[in-house]
PDB file of N, CA and C in Angstrom:
ATOM      1  N   MET A   1       0.819  -1.203   0.000  1.00  0.00           N
ATOM      2  CA  MET A   1       0.000   0.000   0.000  1.00  0.00           C
ATOM      3  C   MET A   1       0.865   1.270   0.000  1.00  0.00           C
ATOM      4  N   GLU A   2       1.943   1.244   0.775  1.00  0.00           N
ATOM      5  CA  GLU A   2       2.810   2.426   0.818  1.00  0.00           C
ATOM      6  C   GLU A   2       3.448   2.703  -0.539  1.00  0.00           C
ATOM      7  N   THR A   3       3.820   1.642  -1.247  1.00  0.00           N
ATOM      8  CA  THR A   3       4.434   1.818  -2.569  1.00  0.00           C
ATOM      9  C   THR A   3       3.465   2.495  -3.523  1.00  0.00           C
ATOM     10  N   ALA A   4       2.219   2.076  -3.497  1.00  0.00           N
ATOM     11  CA  ALA A   4       1.205   2.676  -4.364  1.00  0.00           C
ATOM     12  C   ALA A   4       1.006   4.149  -4.014  1.00  0.00           C
ATOM     13  N   LEU A   5       1.013   4.471  -2.733  1.00  0.00           N
ATOM     14  CA  LEU A   5       0.859   5.859  -2.310  1.00  0.00           C
ATOM     15  C   LEU A   5       2.034   6.715  -2.791  1.00  0.00           C
ATOM     16  N   ILE A   6       3.229   6.196  -2.650  1.00  0.00           N
ATOM     17  CA  ILE A   6       4.423   6.927  -3.098  1.00  0.00           C
ATOM     18  C   ILE A   6       4.367   7.165  -4.608  1.00  0.00           C
ATOM     19  N   ILE A   7       4.017   6.141  -5.363  1.00  0.00           N
ATOM     20  CA  ILE A   7       3.928   6.273  -6.823  1.00  0.00           C
ATOM     21  C   ILE A   7       2.858   7.304  -7.187  1.00  0.00           C
ATOM     22  N   TYR A   8       1.702   7.234  -6.522  1.00  0.00           N
ATOM     23  CA  TYR A   8       0.629   8.200  -6.789  1.00  0.00           C
ATOM     24  C   TYR A   8       1.103   9.623  -6.511  1.00  0.00           C
ATOM     25  N   LEU A   9       1.703   9.831  -5.345  1.00  0.00           N
ATOM     26  CA  LEU A   9       2.137  11.182  -4.971  1.00  0.00           C
ATOM     27  C   LEU A   9       3.213  11.715  -5.913  1.00  0.00           C
ATOM     28  N   LEU A  10       4.134  10.862  -6.307  1.00  0.00           N
ATOM     29  CA  LEU A  10       5.142  11.294  -7.281  1.00  0.00           C
ATOM     30  C   LEU A  10       4.487  11.688  -8.599  1.00  0.00           C
ATOM     31  N   ALA A  11       3.563  10.856  -9.064  1.00  0.00           N
ATOM     32  CA  ALA A  11       2.908  11.117 -10.349  1.00  0.00           C
ATOM     33  C   ALA A  11       2.079  12.398 -10.313  1.00  0.00           C
ATOM     34  N   ILE A  12       1.291  12.605  -9.264  1.00  0.00           N
ATOM     35  CA  ILE A  12       0.439  13.792  -9.204  1.00  0.00           C
ATOM     36  C   ILE A  12       1.272  15.059  -9.048  1.00  0.00           C
ATOM     37  N   ASN A  13       2.382  14.965  -8.327  1.00  0.00           N
ATOM     38  CA  ASN A  13       3.240  16.145  -8.169  1.00  0.00           C
ATOM     39  C   ASN A  13       3.978  16.478  -9.453  1.00  0.00           C
ATOM     40  N   VAL A  14       4.463  15.487 -10.159  1.00  0.00           N
ATOM     41  CA  VAL A  14       5.112  15.725 -11.455  1.00  0.00           C
ATOM     42  C   VAL A  14       4.090  16.298 -12.441  1.00  0.00           C
ATOM     43  N   ALA A  15       2.889  15.739 -12.446  1.00  0.00           N
ATOM     44  CA  ALA A  15       1.843  16.230 -13.348  1.00  0.00           C
ATOM     45  C   ALA A  15       1.485  17.684 -13.042  1.00  0.00           C
ATOM     46  N   THR A  16       1.399  18.027 -11.774  1.00  0.00           N
ATOM     47  CA  THR A  16       1.063  19.401 -11.397  1.00  0.00           C
ATOM     48  C   THR A  16       2.191  20.353 -11.775  1.00  0.00           C
ATOM     49  N   TYR A  17       3.419  19.946 -11.546  1.00  0.00           N
ATOM     50  CA  TYR A  17       4.584  20.755 -11.926  1.00  0.00           C
ATOM     51  C   TYR A  17       4.589  21.015 -13.436  1.00  0.00           C
ATOM     52  N   ILE A  18       4.392  19.962 -14.210  1.00  0.00           N
ATOM     53  CA  ILE A  18       4.377  20.091 -15.676  1.00  0.00           C
ATOM     54  C   ILE A  18       3.215  20.974 -16.127  1.00  0.00           C
ATOM     55  N   THR A  19       2.075  20.822 -15.487  1.00  0.00           N
ATOM     56  CA  THR A  19       0.902  21.618 -15.844  1.00  0.00           C
ATOM     57  C   THR A  19       1.138  23.097 -15.573  1.00  0.00           C
ATOM     58  N   MET A  20       1.812  23.411 -14.471  1.00  0.00           N
ATOM     59  CA  MET A  20       2.141  24.813 -14.184  1.00  0.00           C
ATOM     60  C   MET A  20       3.044  25.382 -15.289  1.00  0.00           C
ATOM     61  N   GLY A  21       4.031  24.619 -15.706  1.00  0.00           N
ATOM     62  CA  GLY A  21       4.916  25.062 -16.779  1.00  0.00           C
ATOM     63  C   GLY A  21       4.188  25.216 -18.103  1.00  0.00           C
ATOM     64  N   HIS A  22       3.292  24.289 -18.375  1.00  0.00           N
ATOM     65  CA  HIS A  22       2.525  24.334 -19.622  1.00  0.00           C
ATOM     66  C   HIS A  22       1.613  25.561 -19.640  1.00  0.00           C
ATOM     67  N   ASP A  23       0.989  25.849 -18.501  1.00  0.00           N
ATOM     68  CA  ASP A  23       0.118  27.015 -18.431  1.00  0.00           C
ATOM     69  C   ASP A  23       0.919  28.304 -18.576  1.00  0.00           C
ATOM     70  N   LYS A  24       2.106  28.345 -18.008  1.00  0.00           N
ATOM     71  CA  LYS A  24       2.963  29.529 -18.151  1.00  0.00           C
ATOM     72  C   LYS A  24       3.319  29.748 -19.623  1.00  0.00           C
ATOM     73  N   LYS A  25       3.637  28.659 -20.317  1.00  0.00           N
ATOM     74  CA  LYS A  25       3.959  28.754 -21.744  1.00  0.00           C
ATOM     75  C   LYS A  25       2.757  29.279 -22.525  1.00  0.00           C
ATOM     76  N   LYS A  26       1.568  28.788 -22.200  1.00  0.00           N
ATOM     77  CA  LYS A  26       0.358  29.257 -22.859  1.00  0.00           C
ATOM     78  C   LYS A  26       0.123  30.742 -22.579  1.00  0.00           C
ATOM     79  N   ALA A  27       0.422  31.159 -21.350  1.00  0.00           N
ATOM     80  CA  ALA A  27       0.239  32.575 -20.989  1.00  0.00           C
ATOM     81  C   ALA A  27       1.172  33.459 -21.814  1.00  0.00           C
ATOM     82  N   ARG A  28       2.411  33.040 -21.951  1.00  0.00           N
ATOM     83  CA  ARG A  28       3.369  33.824 -22.744  1.00  0.00           C
ATOM     84  C   ARG A  28       2.951  33.933 -24.204  1.00  0.00           C
ATOM     85  N   ASN A  29       2.365  32.857 -24.727  1.00  0.00           N
ATOM     86  CA  ASN A  29       1.961  32.822 -26.135  1.00  0.00           C
ATOM     87  C   ASN A  29       0.542  33.347 -26.366  1.00  0.00           C
ATOM     88  N   ARG A  30      -0.078  33.830 -25.277  1.00  0.00           N
ATOM     89  CA  ARG A  30      -1.449  34.352 -25.338  1.00  0.00           C
ATOM     90  C   ARG A  30      -2.420  33.333 -25.922  1.00  0.00           C
ATOM     91  N   GLU A  31      -2.278  32.083 -25.482  1.00  0.00           N
ATOM     92  CA  GLU A  31      -3.156  31.005 -25.925  1.00  0.00           C
ATOM     93  C   GLU A  31      -4.214  30.732 -24.855  1.00  0.00           C
ATOM     94  N   TYR A  32      -5.152  29.854 -25.206  1.00  0.00           N
ATOM     95  CA  TYR A  32      -6.186  29.434 -24.265  1.00  0.00           C
ATOM     96  C   TYR A  32      -5.517  28.768 -23.064  1.00  0.00           C
ATOM     97  N   ARG A  33      -5.889  29.182 -21.861  1.00  0.00           N
ATOM     98  CA  ARG A  33      -5.193  28.794 -20.651  1.00  0.00           C
ATOM     99  C   ARG A  33      -5.829  27.609 -19.937  1.00  0.00           C
ATOM    100  N   ILE A  34      -5.055  26.997 -19.082  1.00  0.00           N
ATOM    101  CA  ILE A  34      -5.542  25.967 -18.176  1.00  0.00           C
ATOM    102  C   ILE A  34      -6.235  26.695 -17.032  1.00  0.00           C
ATOM    103  N   SER A  35      -7.408  26.239 -16.655  1.00  0.00           N
ATOM    104  CA  SER A  35      -8.177  26.969 -15.649  1.00  0.00           C
ATOM    105  C   SER A  35      -7.514  26.870 -14.274  1.00  0.00           C
ATOM    106  N   GLU A  36      -7.736  27.912 -13.474  1.00  0.00           N
ATOM    107  CA  GLU A  36      -7.224  27.898 -12.110  1.00  0.00           C
ATOM    108  C   GLU A  36      -7.853  26.763 -11.321  1.00  0.00           C
ATOM    109  N   GLN A  37      -9.098  26.445 -11.633  1.00  0.00           N
ATOM    110  CA  GLN A  37      -9.778  25.336 -10.962  1.00  0.00           C
ATOM    111  C   GLN A  37      -9.025  24.020 -11.186  1.00  0.00           C
ATOM    112  N   THR A  38      -8.551  23.800 -12.389  1.00  0.00           N
ATOM    113  CA  THR A  38      -7.788  22.588 -12.693  1.00  0.00           C
ATOM    114  C   THR A  38      -6.492  22.549 -11.890  1.00  0.00           C
ATOM    115  N   LEU A  39      -5.811  23.676 -11.812  1.00  0.00           N
ATOM    116  CA  LEU A  39      -4.571  23.744 -11.041  1.00  0.00           C
ATOM    117  C   LEU A  39      -4.844  23.460  -9.561  1.00  0.00           C
ATOM    118  N   TRP A  40      -5.923  24.019  -9.034  1.00  0.00           N
ATOM    119  CA  TRP A  40      -6.273  23.773  -7.636  1.00  0.00           C
ATOM    120  C   TRP A  40      -6.681  22.316  -7.395  1.00  0.00           C
ATOM    121  N   LEU A  41      -7.399  21.729  -8.327  1.00  0.00           N
ATOM    122  CA  LEU A  41      -7.786  20.321  -8.167  1.00  0.00           C
ATOM    123  C   LEU A  41      -6.561  19.411  -8.144  1.00  0.00           C
ATOM    124  N   LEU A  42      -5.627  19.649  -9.036  1.00  0.00           N
ATOM    125  CA  LEU A  42      -4.394  18.866  -9.034  1.00  0.00           C
ATOM    126  C   LEU A  42      -3.659  19.029  -7.707  1.00  0.00           C
ATOM    127  N   ALA A  43      -3.587  20.251  -7.207  1.00  0.00           N
ATOM    128  CA  ALA A  43      -2.923  20.507  -5.924  1.00  0.00           C
ATOM    129  C   ALA A  43      -3.680  19.839  -4.784  1.00  0.00           C
ATOM    130  N   PHE A  44      -4.991  19.955  -4.796  1.00  0.00           N
ATOM    131  CA  PHE A  44      -5.812  19.396  -3.716  1.00  0.00           C
ATOM    132  C   PHE A  44      -5.686  17.877  -3.623  1.00  0.00           C
ATOM    133  N   PHE A  45      -5.605  17.229  -4.752  1.00  0.00           N
ATOM    134  CA  PHE A  45      -5.537  15.768  -4.761  1.00  0.00           C
ATOM    135  C   PHE A  45      -4.112  15.235  -4.614  1.00  0.00           C
ATOM    136  N   GLY A  46      -3.238  16.030  -4.031  1.00  0.00           N
ATOM    137  CA  GLY A  46      -1.915  15.546  -3.672  1.00  0.00           C
ATOM    138  C   GLY A  46      -0.759  16.241  -4.361  1.00  0.00           C
ATOM    139  N   GLY A  47      -1.025  17.157  -5.270  1.00  0.00           N
ATOM    140  CA  GLY A  47       0.041  17.767  -6.045  1.00  0.00           C
ATOM    141  C   GLY A  47       0.460  19.155  -5.596  1.00  0.00           C
ATOM    142  N   ALA A  48       0.194  19.497  -4.344  1.00  0.00           N
ATOM    143  CA  ALA A  48       0.517  20.852  -3.874  1.00  0.00           C
ATOM    144  C   ALA A  48       2.016  21.138  -3.916  1.00  0.00           C
ATOM    145  N   THR A  49       2.834  20.166  -3.576  1.00  0.00           N
ATOM    146  CA  THR A  49       4.283  20.383  -3.590  1.00  0.00           C
ATOM    147  C   THR A  49       4.769  20.624  -5.014  1.00  0.00           C
ATOM    148  N   GLY A  50       4.326  19.807  -5.944  1.00  0.00           N
ATOM    149  CA  GLY A  50       4.690  20.004  -7.348  1.00  0.00           C
ATOM    150  C   GLY A  50       4.184  21.330  -7.884  1.00  0.00           C
ATOM    151  N   GLY A  51       2.981  21.717  -7.469  1.00  0.00           N
ATOM    152  CA  GLY A  51       2.434  22.998  -7.888  1.00  0.00           C
ATOM    153  C   GLY A  51       3.219  24.166  -7.320  1.00  0.00           C
ATOM    154  N   TYR A  52       3.605  24.055  -6.060  1.00  0.00           N
ATOM    155  CA  TYR A  52       4.369  25.130  -5.425  1.00  0.00           C
ATOM    156  C   TYR A  52       5.760  25.264  -6.060  1.00  0.00           C
ATOM    157  N   VAL A  53       6.421  24.130  -6.274  1.00  0.00           N
ATOM    158  CA  VAL A  53       7.743  24.160  -6.907  1.00  0.00           C
ATOM    159  C   VAL A  53       7.624  24.700  -8.330  1.00  0.00           C
ATOM    160  N   GLY A  54       6.587  24.276  -9.058  1.00  0.00           N
ATOM    161  CA  GLY A  54       6.362  24.787 -10.409  1.00  0.00           C
ATOM    162  C   GLY A  54       6.063  26.273 -10.415  1.00  0.00           C
ATOM    163  N   MET A  55       5.287  26.720  -9.435  1.00  0.00           N
ATOM    164  CA  MET A  55       4.964  28.139  -9.325  1.00  0.00           C
ATOM    165  C   MET A  55       6.235  28.961  -9.139  1.00  0.00           C
ATOM    166  N   LYS A  56       7.121  28.487  -8.272  1.00  0.00           N
ATOM    167  CA  LYS A  56       8.372  29.204  -8.026  1.00  0.00           C
ATOM    168  C   LYS A  56       9.324  29.103  -9.224  1.00  0.00           C
ATOM    169  N   HIS A  57       9.458  27.904  -9.791  1.00  0.00           N
ATOM    170  CA  HIS A  57      10.398  27.690 -10.899  1.00  0.00           C
ATOM    171  C   HIS A  57      10.001  28.475 -12.144  1.00  0.00           C
ATOM    172  N   TYR A  58       8.726  28.417 -12.495  1.00  0.00           N
ATOM    173  CA  TYR A  58       8.259  29.088 -13.708  1.00  0.00           C
ATOM    174  C   TYR A  58       7.818  30.534 -13.456  1.00  0.00           C
ATOM    175  N   ARG A  59       7.849  30.960 -12.198  1.00  0.00           N
ATOM    176  CA  ARG A  59       7.357  32.285 -11.804  1.00  0.00           C
ATOM    177  C   ARG A  59       5.952  32.492 -12.337  1.00  0.00           C
ATOM    178  N   HIS A  60       5.103  31.538 -12.003  1.00  0.00           N
ATOM    179  CA  HIS A  60       3.742  31.518 -12.523  1.00  0.00           C
ATOM    180  C   HIS A  60       2.754  31.565 -11.362  1.00  0.00           C
ATOM    181  N   LYS A  61       1.776  32.429 -11.473  1.00  0.00           N
ATOM    182  CA  LYS A  61       0.734  32.626 -10.462  1.00  0.00           C
ATOM    183  C   LYS A  61       1.296  33.190  -9.165  1.00  0.00           C
ATOM    184  N   THR A  62       2.457  33.788  -9.206  1.00  0.00           N
ATOM    185  CA  THR A  62       3.094  34.283  -7.984  1.00  0.00           C
ATOM    186  C   THR A  62       2.455  35.566  -7.467  1.00  0.00           C
ATOM    187  N   LYS A  63       1.680  36.240  -8.296  1.00  0.00           N
ATOM    188  CA  LYS A  63       1.006  37.464  -7.845  1.00  0.00           C
ATOM    189  C   LYS A  63      -0.405  37.188  -7.340  1.00  0.00           C
ATOM    190  N   HIS A  64      -0.886  35.975  -7.543  1.00  0.00           N
ATOM    191  CA  HIS A  64      -2.204  35.589  -7.053  1.00  0.00           C
ATOM    192  C   HIS A  64      -2.072  35.170  -5.587  1.00  0.00           C
ATOM    193  N   VAL A  65      -2.690  35.934  -4.705  1.00  0.00           N
ATOM    194  CA  VAL A  65      -2.564  35.661  -3.274  1.00  0.00           C
ATOM    195  C   VAL A  65      -3.072  34.259  -2.938  1.00  0.00           C
ATOM    196  N   SER A  66      -4.129  33.816  -3.598  1.00  0.00           N
ATOM    197  CA  SER A  66      -4.672  32.485  -3.297  1.00  0.00           C
ATOM    198  C   SER A  66      -3.647  31.390  -3.594  1.00  0.00           C
ATOM    199  N   PHE A  67      -2.872  31.545  -4.654  1.00  0.00           N
ATOM    200  CA  PHE A  67      -1.836  30.568  -4.975  1.00  0.00           C
ATOM    201  C   PHE A  67      -0.618  30.766  -4.083  1.00  0.00           C
ATOM    202  N   LYS A  68      -0.238  32.015  -3.890  1.00  0.00           N
ATOM    203  CA  LYS A  68       0.963  32.352  -3.129  1.00  0.00           C
ATOM    204  C   LYS A  68       0.871  31.857  -1.684  1.00  0.00           C
ATOM    205  N   ARG A  69      -0.303  31.920  -1.124  1.00  0.00           N
ATOM    206  CA  ARG A  69      -0.487  31.466   0.260  1.00  0.00           C
ATOM    207  C   ARG A  69      -1.111  30.084   0.335  1.00  0.00           C
ATOM    208  N   GLY A  70      -2.018  29.813  -0.582  1.00  0.00           N
ATOM    209  CA  GLY A  70      -2.773  28.563  -0.540  1.00  0.00           C
ATOM    210  C   GLY A  70      -1.947  27.324  -0.837  1.00  0.00           C
ATOM    211  N   PHE A  71      -1.096  27.391  -1.852  1.00  0.00           N
ATOM    212  CA  PHE A  71      -0.286  26.226  -2.200  1.00  0.00           C
ATOM    213  C   PHE A  71       0.653  25.819  -1.065  1.00  0.00           C
ATOM    214  N   PRO A  72       1.370  26.770  -0.437  1.00  0.00           N
ATOM    215  CA  PRO A  72       2.237  26.353   0.673  1.00  0.00           C
ATOM    216  C   PRO A  72       1.460  25.761   1.860  1.00  0.00           C
ATOM    217  N   ILE A  73       0.302  26.347   2.162  1.00  0.00           N
ATOM    218  CA  ILE A  73      -0.504  25.806   3.265  1.00  0.00           C
ATOM    219  C   ILE A  73      -0.967  24.402   2.934  1.00  0.00           C
ATOM    220  N   LEU A  74      -1.473  24.213   1.730  1.00  0.00           N
ATOM    221  CA  LEU A  74      -1.925  22.893   1.298  1.00  0.00           C
ATOM    222  C   LEU A  74      -0.762  21.903   1.272  1.00  0.00           C
ATOM    223  N   MET A  75       0.396  22.360   0.857  1.00  0.00           N
ATOM    224  CA  MET A  75       1.589  21.517   0.829  1.00  0.00           C
ATOM    225  C   MET A  75       1.947  21.052   2.238  1.00  0.00           C
ATOM    226  N   ILE A  76       1.933  21.955   3.208  1.00  0.00           N
ATOM    227  CA  ILE A  76       2.253  21.594   4.596  1.00  0.00           C
ATOM    228  C   ILE A  76       1.258  20.568   5.126  1.00  0.00           C
ATOM    229  N   VAL A  77      -0.012  20.778   4.849  1.00  0.00           N
ATOM    230  CA  VAL A  77      -1.043  19.824   5.289  1.00  0.00           C
ATOM    231  C   VAL A  77      -0.795  18.454   4.666  1.00  0.00           C
ATOM    232  N   GLN A  78      -0.504  18.427   3.370  1.00  0.00           N
ATOM    233  CA  GLN A  78      -0.290  17.153   2.694  1.00  0.00           C
ATOM    234  C   GLN A  78       0.972  16.452   3.188  1.00  0.00           C
ATOM    235  N   VAL A  79       2.039  17.189   3.404  1.00  0.00           N
ATOM    236  CA  VAL A  79       3.271  16.592   3.925  1.00  0.00           C
ATOM    237  C   VAL A  79       3.014  16.030   5.322  1.00  0.00           C
ATOM    238  N   ALA A  80       2.273  16.755   6.140  1.00  0.00           N
ATOM    239  CA  ALA A  80       1.948  16.273   7.489  1.00  0.00           C
ATOM    240  C   ALA A  80       1.113  14.997   7.427  1.00  0.00           C
ATOM    241  N   MET A  81       0.163  14.942   6.500  1.00  0.00           N
ATOM    242  CA  MET A  81      -0.674  13.741   6.364  1.00  0.00           C
ATOM    243  C   MET A  81       0.160  12.535   5.924  1.00  0.00           C
ATOM    244  N   VAL A  82       1.057  12.747   4.984  1.00  0.00           N
ATOM    245  CA  VAL A  82       1.915  11.654   4.513  1.00  0.00           C
ATOM    246  C   VAL A  82       2.863  11.209   5.630  1.00  0.00           C
ATOM    247  N   ALA A  83       3.421  12.166   6.355  1.00  0.00           N
ATOM    248  CA  ALA A  83       4.311  11.834   7.474  1.00  0.00           C
ATOM    249  C   ALA A  83       3.557  11.024   8.521  1.00  0.00           C
ATOM    250  N   TYR A  84       2.348  11.444   8.830  1.00  0.00           N
ATOM    251  CA  TYR A  84       1.526  10.697   9.795  1.00  0.00           C
ATOM    252  C   TYR A  84       1.272   9.274   9.296  1.00  0.00           C
ATOM    253  N   TRP A  85       0.954   9.159   8.004  1.00  0.00           N
ATOM    254  CA  TRP A  85       0.675   7.838   7.412  1.00  0.00           C
ATOM    255  C   TRP A  85       1.866   6.890   7.583  1.00  0.00           C
ATOM    256  N   PHE A  86       3.059   7.404   7.304  1.00  0.00           N
ATOM    257  CA  PHE A  86       4.247   6.562   7.351  1.00  0.00           C
ATOM    258  C   PHE A  86       4.807   6.375   8.752  1.00  0.00           C
ATOM    259  N   LEU A  87       4.510   7.268   9.669  1.00  0.00           N
ATOM    260  CA  LEU A  87       5.062   7.172  11.018  1.00  0.00           C
ATOM    261  C   LEU A  87       4.099   6.571  12.031  1.00  0.00           C
ATOM    262  N   LYS A  88       2.892   6.237  11.623  1.00  0.00           N
ATOM    263  CA  LYS A  88       1.919   5.685  12.573  1.00  0.00           C
ATOM    264  C   LYS A  88       2.266   4.310  13.057  1.00  0.00           C
TER     265      LYS A  88
END
């Protein structure tokens, strides 16, 4: 079970990171964007760390207070939940 959880978390975080980069590229090219709701859903379902790292790396959504504060808070909650899962 732990292996499946680790694989899931790695996959969702990589997907969220890539999605942040893809959306930044679309923003630069003035193309149709990925919705903020999609970014939040990916973060909510375990990808907050990947989203936060992507936000910092690509300098994307850094002026949006909801992302700037929300992603780190969600990341801390998710890391705490995973730590609890593995340390119980």
